[in-house]
PDB file of N, CA and C in Angstrom:
ATOM      1  N   GLN A   1       9.172   8.271  -4.592  1.00  0.00           N
ATOM      2  CA  GLN A   1       8.342   8.116  -5.706  1.00  0.00           C
ATOM      3  C   GLN A   1       6.928   7.922  -5.405  1.00  0.00           C
ATOM      4  N   VAL A   2       6.051   8.462  -6.113  1.00  0.00           N
ATOM      5  CA  VAL A   2       4.573   8.167  -6.008  1.00  0.00           C
ATOM      6  C   VAL A   2       4.171   6.761  -6.446  1.00  0.00           C
ATOM      7  N   MET A   3       3.530   6.093  -5.507  1.00  0.00           N
ATOM      8  CA  MET A   3       3.010   4.691  -6.057  1.00  0.00           C
ATOM      9  C   MET A   3       1.286   4.571  -5.574  1.00  0.00           C
ATOM     10  N   LEU A   4       0.746   3.964  -6.236  1.00  0.00           N
ATOM     11  CA  LEU A   4      -0.595   3.417  -5.989  1.00  0.00           C
ATOM     12  C   LEU A   4      -0.630   2.092  -6.275  1.00  0.00           C
ATOM     13  N   VAL A   5      -0.877   1.254  -5.236  1.00  0.00           N
ATOM     14  CA  VAL A   5      -0.933  -0.374  -5.373  1.00  0.00           C
ATOM     15  C   VAL A   5      -2.177  -0.748  -4.911  1.00  0.00           C
ATOM     16  N   GLU A   6      -2.809  -1.434  -6.048  1.00  0.00           N
ATOM     17  CA  GLU A   6      -4.150  -2.060  -5.801  1.00  0.00           C
ATOM     18  C   GLU A   6      -3.895  -3.662  -5.238  1.00  0.00           C
ATOM     19  N   SER A   7      -4.945  -4.048  -4.520  1.00  0.00           N
ATOM     20  CA  SER A   7      -4.993  -5.253  -4.000  1.00  0.00           C
ATOM     21  C   SER A   7      -6.321  -5.760  -3.866  1.00  0.00           C
ATOM     22  N   GLY A   8      -6.531  -7.025  -3.610  1.00  0.00           N
ATOM     23  CA  GLY A   8      -7.992  -7.696  -3.447  1.00  0.00           C
ATOM     24  C   GLY A   8      -8.616  -8.264  -4.476  1.00  0.00           C
ATOM     25  N   GLY A   9      -8.124  -8.267  -5.629  1.00  0.00           N
ATOM     26  CA  GLY A   9      -8.546  -8.848  -6.800  1.00  0.00           C
ATOM     27  C   GLY A   9      -8.507 -10.340  -6.735  1.00  0.00           C
ATOM     28  N   GLY A  10      -9.161 -11.016  -7.549  1.00  0.00           N
ATOM     29  CA  GLY A  10      -9.210 -12.682  -7.678  1.00  0.00           C
ATOM     30  C   GLY A  10     -10.315 -13.157  -8.315  1.00  0.00           C
ATOM     31  N   LEU A  11     -10.546 -14.495  -8.288  1.00  0.00           N
ATOM     32  CA  LEU A  11     -11.501 -15.262  -8.830  1.00  0.00           C
ATOM     33  C   LEU A  11     -12.602 -15.421  -7.993  1.00  0.00           C
ATOM     34  N   VAL A  12     -13.937 -14.983  -8.429  1.00  0.00           N
ATOM     35  CA  VAL A  12     -14.962 -15.163  -7.658  1.00  0.00           C
ATOM     36  C   VAL A  12     -16.265 -15.619  -8.396  1.00  0.00           C
ATOM     37  N   GLN A  13     -17.187 -16.370  -7.827  1.00  0.00           N
ATOM     38  CA  GLN A  13     -18.245 -16.880  -8.557  1.00  0.00           C
ATOM     39  C   GLN A  13     -19.253 -15.836  -8.654  1.00  0.00           C
ATOM     40  N   PRO A  14     -20.226 -15.901  -9.704  1.00  0.00           N
ATOM     41  CA  PRO A  14     -21.251 -14.893  -9.800  1.00  0.00           C
ATOM     42  C   PRO A  14     -22.114 -14.729  -8.607  1.00  0.00           C
ATOM     43  N   GLY A  15     -22.407 -13.531  -8.138  1.00  0.00           N
ATOM     44  CA  GLY A  15     -23.154 -13.326  -7.116  1.00  0.00           C
ATOM     45  C   GLY A  15     -22.228 -13.028  -5.755  1.00  0.00           C
ATOM     46  N   GLY A  16     -21.070 -13.130  -6.070  1.00  0.00           N
ATOM     47  CA  GLY A  16     -20.050 -13.192  -4.753  1.00  0.00           C
ATOM     48  C   GLY A  16     -19.641 -11.688  -4.742  1.00  0.00           C
ATOM     49  N   SER A  17     -18.685 -11.537  -3.712  1.00  0.00           N
ATOM     50  CA  SER A  17     -18.280 -10.219  -3.294  1.00  0.00           C
ATOM     51  C   SER A  17     -16.735 -10.280  -3.400  1.00  0.00           C
ATOM     52  N   LEU A  18     -16.238  -8.944  -3.682  1.00  0.00           N
ATOM     53  CA  LEU A  18     -14.627  -8.820  -3.441  1.00  0.00           C
ATOM     54  C   LEU A  18     -14.682  -7.346  -2.835  1.00  0.00           C
ATOM     55  N   ARG A  19     -13.535  -7.007  -2.199  1.00  0.00           N
ATOM     56  CA  ARG A  19     -13.168  -5.640  -1.640  1.00  0.00           C
ATOM     57  C   ARG A  19     -11.774  -5.422  -2.097  1.00  0.00           C
ATOM     58  N   LEU A  20     -11.606  -4.421  -3.085  1.00  0.00           N
ATOM     59  CA  LEU A  20     -10.440  -4.040  -3.560  1.00  0.00           C
ATOM     60  C   LEU A  20     -10.037  -2.891  -2.668  1.00  0.00           C
ATOM     61  N   SER A  21      -8.773  -2.726  -2.627  1.00  0.00           N
ATOM     62  CA  SER A  21      -7.994  -1.596  -1.750  1.00  0.00           C
ATOM     63  C   SER A  21      -6.773  -1.079  -2.747  1.00  0.00           C
ATOM     64  N   CYS A  22      -6.888   0.146  -2.517  1.00  0.00           N
ATOM     65  CA  CYS A  22      -5.655   1.061  -3.091  1.00  0.00           C
ATOM     66  C   CYS A  22      -4.823   1.791  -2.002  1.00  0.00           C
ATOM     67  N   LYS A  23      -3.582   1.486  -1.868  1.00  0.00           N
ATOM     68  CA  LYS A  23      -2.815   2.261  -1.018  1.00  0.00           C
ATOM     69  C   LYS A  23      -1.807   3.021  -1.845  1.00  0.00           C
ATOM     70  N   ALA A  24      -1.902   4.405  -1.203  1.00  0.00           N
ATOM     71  CA  ALA A  24      -0.927   5.342  -1.898  1.00  0.00           C
ATOM     72  C   ALA A  24       0.161   5.715  -0.888  1.00  0.00           C
ATOM     73  N   SER A  25       1.299   5.888  -1.488  1.00  0.00           N
ATOM     74  CA  SER A  25       2.606   6.385  -1.048  1.00  0.00           C
ATOM     75  C   SER A  25       3.244   7.385  -1.623  1.00  0.00           C
ATOM     76  N   GLY A  26       3.817   8.344  -1.027  1.00  0.00           N
ATOM     77  CA  GLY A  26       4.496   9.379  -1.593  1.00  0.00           C
ATOM     78  C   GLY A  26       3.584  10.669  -1.785  1.00  0.00           C
ATOM     79  N   ILE A  27       2.559  10.372  -1.597  1.00  0.00           N
ATOM     80  CA  ILE A  27       1.506  11.729  -1.708  1.00  0.00           C
ATOM     81  C   ILE A  27       0.597  11.537  -0.414  1.00  0.00           C
ATOM     82  N   SER A  28       0.046  12.756  -0.139  1.00  0.00           N
ATOM     83  CA  SER A  28      -1.012  12.977   0.823  1.00  0.00           C
ATOM     84  C   SER A  28      -2.486  12.799  -0.003  1.00  0.00           C
ATOM     85  N   LEU A  29      -3.493  12.076   0.313  1.00  0.00           N
ATOM     86  CA  LEU A  29      -4.695  11.948  -0.365  1.00  0.00           C
ATOM     87  C   LEU A  29      -5.671  13.155  -0.032  1.00  0.00           C
ATOM     88  N   THR A  30      -5.258  13.985   0.842  1.00  0.00           N
ATOM     89  CA  THR A  30      -6.189  14.887   1.348  1.00  0.00           C
ATOM     90  C   THR A  30      -6.738  15.951   0.341  1.00  0.00           C
ATOM     91  N   PHE A  31      -5.920  16.186  -0.684  1.00  0.00           N
ATOM     92  CA  PHE A  31      -6.565  17.079  -1.862  1.00  0.00           C
ATOM     93  C   PHE A  31      -6.711  16.433  -3.076  1.00  0.00           C
ATOM     94  N   TYR A  32      -6.859  15.024  -3.124  1.00  0.00           N
ATOM     95  CA  TYR A  32      -6.818  14.295  -4.362  1.00  0.00           C
ATOM     96  C   TYR A  32      -8.224  13.660  -4.499  1.00  0.00           C
ATOM     97  N   ASP A  33      -8.989  13.866  -5.472  1.00  0.00           N
ATOM     98  CA  ASP A  33      -9.962  13.069  -6.089  1.00  0.00           C
ATOM     99  C   ASP A  33      -9.453  11.585  -6.382  1.00  0.00           C
ATOM    100  N   MET A  34     -10.264  10.788  -5.980  1.00  0.00           N
ATOM    101  CA  MET A  34      -9.959   9.370  -6.044  1.00  0.00           C
ATOM    102  C   MET A  34     -10.937   8.441  -6.924  1.00  0.00           C
ATOM    103  N   ALA A  35     -10.488   7.717  -7.678  1.00  0.00           N
ATOM    104  CA  ALA A  35     -11.473   6.888  -8.594  1.00  0.00           C
ATOM    105  C   ALA A  35     -11.010   5.505  -8.874  1.00  0.00           C
ATOM    106  N   TRP A  36     -11.792   4.576  -9.141  1.00  0.00           N
ATOM    107  CA  TRP A  36     -11.631   3.412  -9.740  1.00  0.00           C
ATOM    108  C   TRP A  36     -12.070   3.103 -11.218  1.00  0.00           C
ATOM    109  N   TYR A  37     -11.222   2.592 -12.047  1.00  0.00           N
ATOM    110  CA  TYR A  37     -11.493   2.557 -13.562  1.00  0.00           C
ATOM    111  C   TYR A  37     -11.336   1.056 -13.859  1.00  0.00           C
ATOM    112  N   ARG A  38     -11.667   0.427 -14.902  1.00  0.00           N
ATOM    113  CA  ARG A  38     -11.718  -1.091 -15.224  1.00  0.00           C
ATOM    114  C   ARG A  38     -11.556  -1.097 -16.880  1.00  0.00           C
ATOM    115  N   GLN A  39     -10.857  -1.984 -17.211  1.00  0.00           N
ATOM    116  CA  GLN A  39     -10.916  -2.192 -18.712  1.00  0.00           C
ATOM    117  C   GLN A  39     -10.773  -3.878 -18.895  1.00  0.00           C
ATOM    118  N   SER A  40     -11.529  -4.219 -19.602  1.00  0.00           N
ATOM    119  CA  SER A  40     -11.520  -5.665 -20.137  1.00  0.00           C
ATOM    120  C   SER A  40     -10.927  -5.768 -21.444  1.00  0.00           C
ATOM    121  N   PRO A  41     -10.483  -6.944 -21.882  1.00  0.00           N
ATOM    122  CA  PRO A  41      -9.834  -7.196 -23.170  1.00  0.00           C
ATOM    123  C   PRO A  41     -10.660  -6.669 -24.249  1.00  0.00           C
ATOM    124  N   GLY A  42     -10.317  -5.737 -25.192  1.00  0.00           N
ATOM    125  CA  GLY A  42     -10.962  -5.344 -26.546  1.00  0.00           C
ATOM    126  C   GLY A  42     -11.878  -4.132 -26.190  1.00  0.00           C
ATOM    127  N   ASN A  43     -11.808  -3.513 -24.875  1.00  0.00           N
ATOM    128  CA  ASN A  43     -12.691  -2.526 -24.512  1.00  0.00           C
ATOM    129  C   ASN A  43     -11.868  -1.452 -24.046  1.00  0.00           C
ATOM    130  N   GLN A  44     -12.374  -0.243 -23.980  1.00  0.00           N
ATOM    131  CA  GLN A  44     -11.848   1.126 -23.435  1.00  0.00           C
ATOM    132  C   GLN A  44     -11.935   1.056 -22.087  1.00  0.00           C
ATOM    133  N   ARG A  45     -10.954   1.686 -21.413  1.00  0.00           N
ATOM    134  CA  ARG A  45     -10.935   1.935 -19.891  1.00  0.00           C
ATOM    135  C   ARG A  45     -12.161   2.652 -19.569  1.00  0.00           C
ATOM    136  N   GLU A  46     -12.862   2.242 -18.513  1.00  0.00           N
ATOM    137  CA  GLU A  46     -14.092   3.044 -18.176  1.00  0.00           C
ATOM    138  C   GLU A  46     -14.068   3.348 -16.760  1.00  0.00           C
ATOM    139  N   LEU A  47     -14.755   4.527 -16.482  1.00  0.00           N
ATOM    140  CA  LEU A  47     -14.940   4.999 -14.933  1.00  0.00           C
ATOM    141  C   LEU A  47     -15.908   4.251 -14.283  1.00  0.00           C
ATOM    142  N   VAL A  48     -15.561   3.384 -13.136  1.00  0.00           N
ATOM    143  CA  VAL A  48     -16.416   2.636 -12.290  1.00  0.00           C
ATOM    144  C   VAL A  48     -17.033   3.470 -11.327  1.00  0.00           C
ATOM    145  N   SER A  49     -16.260   4.271 -10.559  1.00  0.00           N
ATOM    146  CA  SER A  49     -16.564   5.089  -9.459  1.00  0.00           C
ATOM    147  C   SER A  49     -15.674   6.167  -9.191  1.00  0.00           C
ATOM    148  N   GLU A  50     -16.009   7.158  -8.663  1.00  0.00           N
ATOM    149  CA  GLU A  50     -15.208   8.294  -8.100  1.00  0.00           C
ATOM    150  C   GLU A  50     -15.528   8.941  -6.739  1.00  0.00           C
ATOM    151  N   ILE A  51     -14.658   9.314  -5.887  1.00  0.00           N
ATOM    152  CA  ILE A  51     -15.088   9.985  -4.738  1.00  0.00           C
ATOM    153  C   ILE A  51     -14.181  11.181  -4.559  1.00  0.00           C
ATOM    154  N   THR A  52     -14.686  12.374  -4.108  1.00  0.00           N
ATOM    155  CA  THR A  52     -14.048  13.581  -4.155  1.00  0.00           C
ATOM    156  C   THR A  52     -13.362  13.830  -2.634  1.00  0.00           C
ATOM    157  N   SER A  53     -12.379  14.726  -2.696  1.00  0.00           N
ATOM    158  CA  SER A  53     -11.437  14.731  -1.686  1.00  0.00           C
ATOM    159  C   SER A  53     -11.990  15.681  -0.453  1.00  0.00           C
ATOM    160  N   ASP A  54     -13.154  16.586  -0.723  1.00  0.00           N
ATOM    161  CA  ASP A  54     -13.477  17.552  -0.029  1.00  0.00           C
ATOM    162  C   ASP A  54     -14.014  16.982   1.575  1.00  0.00           C
ATOM    163  N   PRO A  55     -13.510  16.783   2.463  1.00  0.00           N
ATOM    164  CA  PRO A  55     -13.795  16.104   3.827  1.00  0.00           C
ATOM    165  C   PRO A  55     -15.150  16.719   4.291  1.00  0.00           C
ATOM    166  N   LYS A  56     -15.528  17.980   3.898  1.00  0.00           N
ATOM    167  CA  LYS A  56     -16.594  18.784   4.356  1.00  0.00           C
ATOM    168  C   LYS A  56     -17.854  18.232   3.452  1.00  0.00           C
ATOM    169  N   ASN A  57     -17.543  17.900   2.282  1.00  0.00           N
ATOM    170  CA  ASN A  57     -18.741  17.377   1.349  1.00  0.00           C
ATOM    171  C   ASN A  57     -18.153  16.358   0.413  1.00  0.00           C
ATOM    172  N   THR A  58     -18.018  15.198   0.928  1.00  0.00           N
ATOM    173  CA  THR A  58     -17.371  14.052   0.083  1.00  0.00           C
ATOM    174  C   THR A  58     -18.721  13.564  -0.762  1.00  0.00           C
ATOM    175  N   ARG A  59     -18.431  13.523  -2.061  1.00  0.00           N
ATOM    176  CA  ARG A  59     -19.308  12.845  -2.871  1.00  0.00           C
ATOM    177  C   ARG A  59     -18.884  11.742  -3.751  1.00  0.00           C
ATOM    178  N   ALA A  60     -19.619  10.938  -4.145  1.00  0.00           N
ATOM    179  CA  ALA A  60     -19.384   9.639  -4.698  1.00  0.00           C
ATOM    180  C   ALA A  60     -20.356   9.358  -5.929  1.00  0.00           C
ATOM    181  N   ASN A  61     -19.686   9.104  -7.074  1.00  0.00           N
ATOM    182  CA  ASN A  61     -20.679   8.580  -8.203  1.00  0.00           C
ATOM    183  C   ASN A  61     -20.338   7.171  -8.662  1.00  0.00           C
ATOM    184  N   TYR A  62     -20.941   6.764  -9.302  1.00  0.00           N
ATOM    185  CA  TYR A  62     -21.083   5.490  -9.822  1.00  0.00           C
ATOM    186  C   TYR A  62     -21.525   5.207 -11.271  1.00  0.00           C
ATOM    187  N   ALA A  63     -20.821   4.467 -12.095  1.00  0.00           N
ATOM    188  CA  ALA A  63     -21.396   4.117 -13.470  1.00  0.00           C
ATOM    189  C   ALA A  63     -22.835   3.261 -13.160  1.00  0.00           C
ATOM    190  N   ALA A  64     -23.540   3.599 -14.048  1.00  0.00           N
ATOM    191  CA  ALA A  64     -24.832   2.961 -14.021  1.00  0.00           C
ATOM    192  C   ALA A  64     -24.996   1.327 -14.024  1.00  0.00           C
ATOM    193  N   SER A  65     -23.896   0.741 -14.616  1.00  0.00           N
ATOM    194  CA  SER A  65     -23.712  -0.616 -14.632  1.00  0.00           C
ATOM    195  C   SER A  65     -23.461  -1.300 -13.141  1.00  0.00           C
ATOM    196  N   VAL A  66     -22.836  -0.394 -12.348  1.00  0.00           N
ATOM    197  CA  VAL A  66     -22.444  -0.950 -10.936  1.00  0.00           C
ATOM    198  C   VAL A  66     -23.384  -0.255  -9.797  1.00  0.00           C
ATOM    199  N   GLN A  67     -23.875   0.655 -10.211  1.00  0.00           N
ATOM    200  CA  GLN A  67     -24.673   1.296  -8.992  1.00  0.00           C
ATOM    201  C   GLN A  67     -25.723   0.371  -8.299  1.00  0.00           C
ATOM    202  N   GLY A  68     -25.538   0.648  -6.851  1.00  0.00           N
ATOM    203  CA  GLY A  68     -26.554  -0.306  -6.113  1.00  0.00           C
ATOM    204  C   GLY A  68     -25.594  -1.592  -5.736  1.00  0.00           C
ATOM    205  N   ARG A  69     -24.648  -1.845  -6.478  1.00  0.00           N
ATOM    206  CA  ARG A  69     -23.743  -3.111  -6.095  1.00  0.00           C
ATOM    207  C   ARG A  69     -22.517  -2.792  -5.573  1.00  0.00           C
ATOM    208  N   PHE A  70     -21.841  -1.517  -6.170  1.00  0.00           N
ATOM    209  CA  PHE A  70     -20.481  -1.229  -5.593  1.00  0.00           C
ATOM    210  C   PHE A  70     -20.552  -0.037  -4.590  1.00  0.00           C
ATOM    211  N   THR A  71     -19.759   0.006  -3.774  1.00  0.00           N
ATOM    212  CA  THR A  71     -19.492   1.201  -2.901  1.00  0.00           C
ATOM    213  C   THR A  71     -18.017   1.376  -2.679  1.00  0.00           C
ATOM    214  N   ILE A  72     -17.606   2.809  -3.098  1.00  0.00           N
ATOM    215  CA  ILE A  72     -16.343   3.306  -2.864  1.00  0.00           C
ATOM    216  C   ILE A  72     -16.327   4.232  -1.488  1.00  0.00           C
ATOM    217  N   SER A  73     -15.344   4.046  -0.966  1.00  0.00           N
ATOM    218  CA  SER A  73     -14.935   4.832   0.234  1.00  0.00           C
ATOM    219  C   SER A  73     -13.340   5.216   0.586  1.00  0.00           C
ATOM    220  N   ARG A  74     -13.120   5.930   1.211  1.00  0.00           N
ATOM    221  CA  ARG A  74     -11.588   6.459   1.300  1.00  0.00           C
ATOM    222  C   ARG A  74     -11.304   6.720   2.885  1.00  0.00           C
ATOM    223  N   ASN A  75     -10.119   6.546   3.173  1.00  0.00           N
ATOM    224  CA  ASN A  75      -9.519   6.984   4.348  1.00  0.00           C
ATOM    225  C   ASN A  75      -8.299   7.622   4.156  1.00  0.00           C
ATOM    226  N   ASN A  76      -8.294   9.004   4.387  1.00  0.00           N
ATOM    227  CA  ASN A  76      -7.209  10.091   4.105  1.00  0.00           C
ATOM    228  C   ASN A  76      -5.928   9.457   4.947  1.00  0.00           C
ATOM    229  N   ALA A  77      -6.274   9.348   6.426  1.00  0.00           N
ATOM    230  CA  ALA A  77      -5.553   9.186   7.155  1.00  0.00           C
ATOM    231  C   ALA A  77      -4.454   7.855   7.000  1.00  0.00           C
ATOM    232  N   ARG A  78      -5.316   6.851   6.467  1.00  0.00           N
ATOM    233  CA  ARG A  78      -4.357   5.648   6.014  1.00  0.00           C
ATOM    234  C   ARG A  78      -3.998   5.612   4.667  1.00  0.00           C
ATOM    235  N   SER A  79      -4.272   6.679   3.828  1.00  0.00           N
ATOM    236  CA  SER A  79      -3.858   6.915   2.289  1.00  0.00           C
ATOM    237  C   SER A  79      -4.545   5.619   1.577  1.00  0.00           C
ATOM    238  N   THR A  80      -5.848   5.273   1.826  1.00  0.00           N
ATOM    239  CA  THR A  80      -6.384   4.177   1.110  1.00  0.00           C
ATOM    240  C   THR A  80      -7.720   4.462   0.481  1.00  0.00           C
ATOM    241  N   VAL A  81      -8.072   3.734  -0.564  1.00  0.00           N
ATOM    242  CA  VAL A  81      -9.438   4.047  -1.112  1.00  0.00           C
ATOM    243  C   VAL A  81      -9.792   2.493  -1.485  1.00  0.00           C
ATOM    244  N   ASP A  82     -11.030   2.142  -0.949  1.00  0.00           N
ATOM    245  CA  ASP A  82     -11.626   0.893  -1.187  1.00  0.00           C
ATOM    246  C   ASP A  82     -12.710   0.920  -2.195  1.00  0.00           C
ATOM    247  N   LEU A  83     -12.893  -0.526  -2.752  1.00  0.00           N
ATOM    248  CA  LEU A  83     -14.208  -0.579  -3.483  1.00  0.00           C
ATOM    249  C   LEU A  83     -14.747  -1.890  -3.126  1.00  0.00           C
ATOM    250  N   GLN A  84     -15.733  -1.878  -2.429  1.00  0.00           N
ATOM    251  CA  GLN A  84     -16.743  -3.046  -2.123  1.00  0.00           C
ATOM    252  C   GLN A  84     -17.406  -3.379  -3.326  1.00  0.00           C
ATOM    253  N   MET A  85     -17.463  -4.476  -3.864  1.00  0.00           N
ATOM    254  CA  MET A  85     -18.285  -5.135  -4.936  1.00  0.00           C
ATOM    255  C   MET A  85     -18.998  -6.113  -4.408  1.00  0.00           C
ATOM    256  N   ASN A  86     -20.445  -6.234  -4.652  1.00  0.00           N
ATOM    257  CA  ASN A  86     -21.291  -7.062  -4.297  1.00  0.00           C
ATOM    258  C   ASN A  86     -22.093  -7.564  -5.265  1.00  0.00           C
ATOM    259  N   SER A  87     -22.769  -8.673  -5.362  1.00  0.00           N
ATOM    260  CA  SER A  87     -23.579  -9.215  -6.396  1.00  0.00           C
ATOM    261  C   SER A  87     -22.786  -9.067  -7.991  1.00  0.00           C
ATOM    262  N   LEU A  88     -21.531  -9.608  -7.889  1.00  0.00           N
ATOM    263  CA  LEU A  88     -20.776  -9.584  -9.016  1.00  0.00           C
ATOM    264  C   LEU A  88     -21.314 -10.430 -10.238  1.00  0.00           C
ATOM    265  N   LYS A  89     -21.193  -9.952 -11.386  1.00  0.00           N
ATOM    266  CA  LYS A  89     -21.532 -10.364 -12.515  1.00  0.00           C
ATOM    267  C   LYS A  89     -20.355 -10.786 -13.453  1.00  0.00           C
ATOM    268  N   PRO A  90     -20.459 -11.720 -14.441  1.00  0.00           N
ATOM    269  CA  PRO A  90     -19.342 -12.004 -15.293  1.00  0.00           C
ATOM    270  C   PRO A  90     -18.978 -10.775 -16.011  1.00  0.00           C
ATOM    271  N   GLU A  91     -19.773  -9.967 -16.457  1.00  0.00           N
ATOM    272  CA  GLU A  91     -19.629  -8.658 -17.017  1.00  0.00           C
ATOM    273  C   GLU A  91     -18.640  -7.704 -16.225  1.00  0.00           C
ATOM    274  N   ASP A  92     -18.415  -8.079 -14.948  1.00  0.00           N
ATOM    275  CA  ASP A  92     -17.461  -7.244 -14.193  1.00  0.00           C
ATOM    276  C   ASP A  92     -16.151  -7.621 -14.265  1.00  0.00           C
ATOM    277  N   THR A  93     -15.820  -8.648 -14.926  1.00  0.00           N
ATOM    278  CA  THR A  93     -14.451  -9.310 -15.244  1.00  0.00           C
ATOM    279  C   THR A  93     -13.705  -8.233 -15.999  1.00  0.00           C
ATOM    280  N   ALA A  94     -12.463  -7.780 -15.314  1.00  0.00           N
ATOM    281  CA  ALA A  94     -11.721  -6.761 -15.900  1.00  0.00           C
ATOM    282  C   ALA A  94     -10.544  -6.540 -14.831  1.00  0.00           C
ATOM    283  N   VAL A  95      -9.649  -5.565 -15.570  1.00  0.00           N
ATOM    284  CA  VAL A  95      -8.579  -5.276 -14.753  1.00  0.00           C
ATOM    285  C   VAL A  95      -8.952  -3.796 -13.990  1.00  0.00           C
ATOM    286  N   TYR A  96      -8.927  -3.784 -12.615  1.00  0.00           N
ATOM    287  CA  TYR A  96      -9.395  -2.569 -12.098  1.00  0.00           C
ATOM    288  C   TYR A  96      -8.197  -1.786 -11.782  1.00  0.00           C
ATOM    289  N   TYR A  97      -8.269  -0.630 -11.986  1.00  0.00           N
ATOM    290  CA  TYR A  97      -7.055   0.498 -11.713  1.00  0.00           C
ATOM    291  C   TYR A  97      -7.515   1.521 -10.934  1.00  0.00           C
ATOM    292  N   CYS A  98      -6.727   1.721  -9.867  1.00  0.00           N
ATOM    293  CA  CYS A  98      -6.777   2.935  -9.001  1.00  0.00           C
ATOM    294  C   CYS A  98      -6.233   4.266  -9.590  1.00  0.00           C
ATOM    295  N   ASN A  99      -7.016   5.523  -9.422  1.00  0.00           N
ATOM    296  CA  ASN A  99      -6.533   6.727 -10.036  1.00  0.00           C
ATOM    297  C   ASN A  99      -6.599   7.886  -8.960  1.00  0.00           C
ATOM    298  N   ALA A 100      -5.580   8.610  -8.753  1.00  0.00           N
ATOM    299  CA  ALA A 100      -5.597   9.750  -7.880  1.00  0.00           C
ATOM    300  C   ALA A 100      -5.453  11.190  -8.907  1.00  0.00           C
ATOM    301  N   LYS A 101      -6.211  12.157  -8.732  1.00  0.00           N
ATOM    302  CA  LYS A 101      -6.007  13.252  -9.242  1.00  0.00           C
ATOM    303  C   LYS A 101      -6.037  14.536  -8.414  1.00  0.00           C
ATOM    304  N   HIS A 102      -5.127  15.369  -8.413  1.00  0.00           N
ATOM    305  CA  HIS A 102      -5.094  16.559  -7.420  1.00  0.00           C
ATOM    306  C   HIS A 102      -6.150  17.454  -7.953  1.00  0.00           C
ATOM    307  N   ARG A 103      -7.165  17.790  -7.147  1.00  0.00           N
ATOM    308  CA  ARG A 103      -8.415  18.590  -7.332  1.00  0.00           C
ATOM    309  C   ARG A 103      -7.853  20.008  -7.929  1.00  0.00           C
ATOM    310  N   ILE A 104      -6.707  20.666  -7.490  1.00  0.00           N
ATOM    311  CA  ILE A 104      -6.423  21.920  -8.126  1.00  0.00           C
ATOM    312  C   ILE A 104      -5.367  21.932  -9.226  1.00  0.00           C
ATOM    313  N   SER A 105      -4.273  21.205  -8.859  1.00  0.00           N
ATOM    314  CA  SER A 105      -3.238  20.876 -10.037  1.00  0.00           C
ATOM    315  C   SER A 105      -3.737  19.745 -10.715  1.00  0.00           C
ATOM    316  N   ASN A 106      -4.537  19.784 -11.743  1.00  0.00           N
ATOM    317  CA  ASN A 106      -5.064  18.692 -12.381  1.00  0.00           C
ATOM    318  C   ASN A 106      -3.846  17.857 -13.042  1.00  0.00           C
ATOM    319  N   GLU A 107      -2.763  18.252 -13.591  1.00  0.00           N
ATOM    320  CA  GLU A 107      -1.786  17.542 -14.208  1.00  0.00           C
ATOM    321  C   GLU A 107      -1.180  16.531 -13.222  1.00  0.00           C
ATOM    322  N   ARG A 108      -1.387  16.673 -11.869  1.00  0.00           N
ATOM    323  CA  ARG A 108      -1.106  15.688 -10.916  1.00  0.00           C
ATOM    324  C   ARG A 108      -1.851  14.430 -10.840  1.00  0.00           C
ATOM    325  N   THR A 109      -1.771  13.543 -11.786  1.00  0.00           N
ATOM    326  CA  THR A 109      -2.599  12.317 -11.873  1.00  0.00           C
ATOM    327  C   THR A 109      -1.701  11.047 -11.837  1.00  0.00           C
ATOM    328  N   TYR A 110      -2.268  10.145 -11.072  1.00  0.00           N
ATOM    329  CA  TYR A 110      -1.346   9.061 -10.858  1.00  0.00           C
ATOM    330  C   TYR A 110      -2.343   7.754 -11.063  1.00  0.00           C
ATOM    331  N   TRP A 111      -1.658   6.667 -11.726  1.00  0.00           N
ATOM    332  CA  TRP A 111      -2.276   5.505 -11.823  1.00  0.00           C
ATOM    333  C   TRP A 111      -1.552   4.277 -11.001  1.00  0.00           C
ATOM    334  N   GLY A 112      -2.364   3.412 -10.500  1.00  0.00           N
ATOM    335  CA  GLY A 112      -1.915   1.920 -10.264  1.00  0.00           C
ATOM    336  C   GLY A 112      -1.600   1.129 -11.271  1.00  0.00           C
ATOM    337  N   GLN A 113      -1.128  -0.080 -10.909  1.00  0.00           N
ATOM    338  CA  GLN A 113      -0.797  -0.989 -11.911  1.00  0.00           C
ATOM    339  C   GLN A 113      -2.133  -1.920 -12.215  1.00  0.00           C
ATOM    340  N   GLY A 114      -2.885  -1.887 -11.437  1.00  0.00           N
ATOM    341  CA  GLY A 114      -4.090  -2.645 -11.890  1.00  0.00           C
ATOM    342  C   GLY A 114      -4.096  -4.049 -11.081  1.00  0.00           C
ATOM    343  N   THR A 115      -5.397  -4.615 -10.806  1.00  0.00           N
ATOM    344  CA  THR A 115      -5.531  -5.875 -10.202  1.00  0.00           C
ATOM    345  C   THR A 115      -6.709  -6.577 -10.886  1.00  0.00           C
ATOM    346  N   GLN A 116      -6.506  -7.883 -11.341  1.00  0.00           N
ATOM    347  CA  GLN A 116      -7.445  -8.777 -12.068  1.00  0.00           C
ATOM    348  C   GLN A 116      -8.595  -9.202 -11.184  1.00  0.00           C
ATOM    349  N   VAL A 117      -9.806  -9.024 -11.838  1.00  0.00           N
ATOM    350  CA  VAL A 117     -11.055  -9.462 -11.214  1.00  0.00           C
ATOM    351  C   VAL A 117     -11.761 -10.253 -12.168  1.00  0.00           C
ATOM    352  N   THR A 118     -11.766 -11.633 -11.809  1.00  0.00           N
ATOM    353  CA  THR A 118     -12.519 -12.346 -12.520  1.00  0.00           C
ATOM    354  C   THR A 118     -13.800 -13.044 -12.054  1.00  0.00           C
ATOM    355  N   VAL A 119     -14.950 -12.902 -12.774  1.00  0.00           N
ATOM    356  CA  VAL A 119     -16.213 -13.470 -12.110  1.00  0.00           C
ATOM    357  C   VAL A 119     -16.663 -14.713 -13.030  1.00  0.00           C
ATOM    358  N   SER A 120     -16.471 -15.836 -12.593  1.00  0.00           N
ATOM    359  CA  SER A 120     -16.894 -16.947 -13.271  1.00  0.00           C
ATOM    360  C   SER A 120     -17.404 -18.133 -12.461  1.00  0.00           C
ATOM    361  N   SER A 121     -17.965 -19.140 -13.097  1.00  0.00           N
ATOM    362  CA  SER A 121     -18.330 -20.220 -12.224  1.00  0.00           C
ATOM    363  C   SER A 121     -17.381 -21.344 -12.362  1.00  0.00           C
TER     364      SER A 121
END
């Protein structure tokens, strides 16, 4: 079975840092675009960052609210996608989800279970 498992969430004070990791099994990430989403209570799930699968021209995009603070990276050999989060704010508090989408067969989309990130004093 295909599984995406997030880890690295937790409680951190404002201004602190966390590094989230998504480990995939059952698929190869070579042809999958990867992304991190987040959702806080009462709000819709939003795209935080995405990174394309093309090793010749890998591109990363960020939501305006996290640009300059978050960095997404991938390691296809290890089947992992990480999200380095710096200068965290209380507004970053949410459940963070890993997403994999096949760049050709778009119906092949998978989600992780989510990991809680809480930014508070």
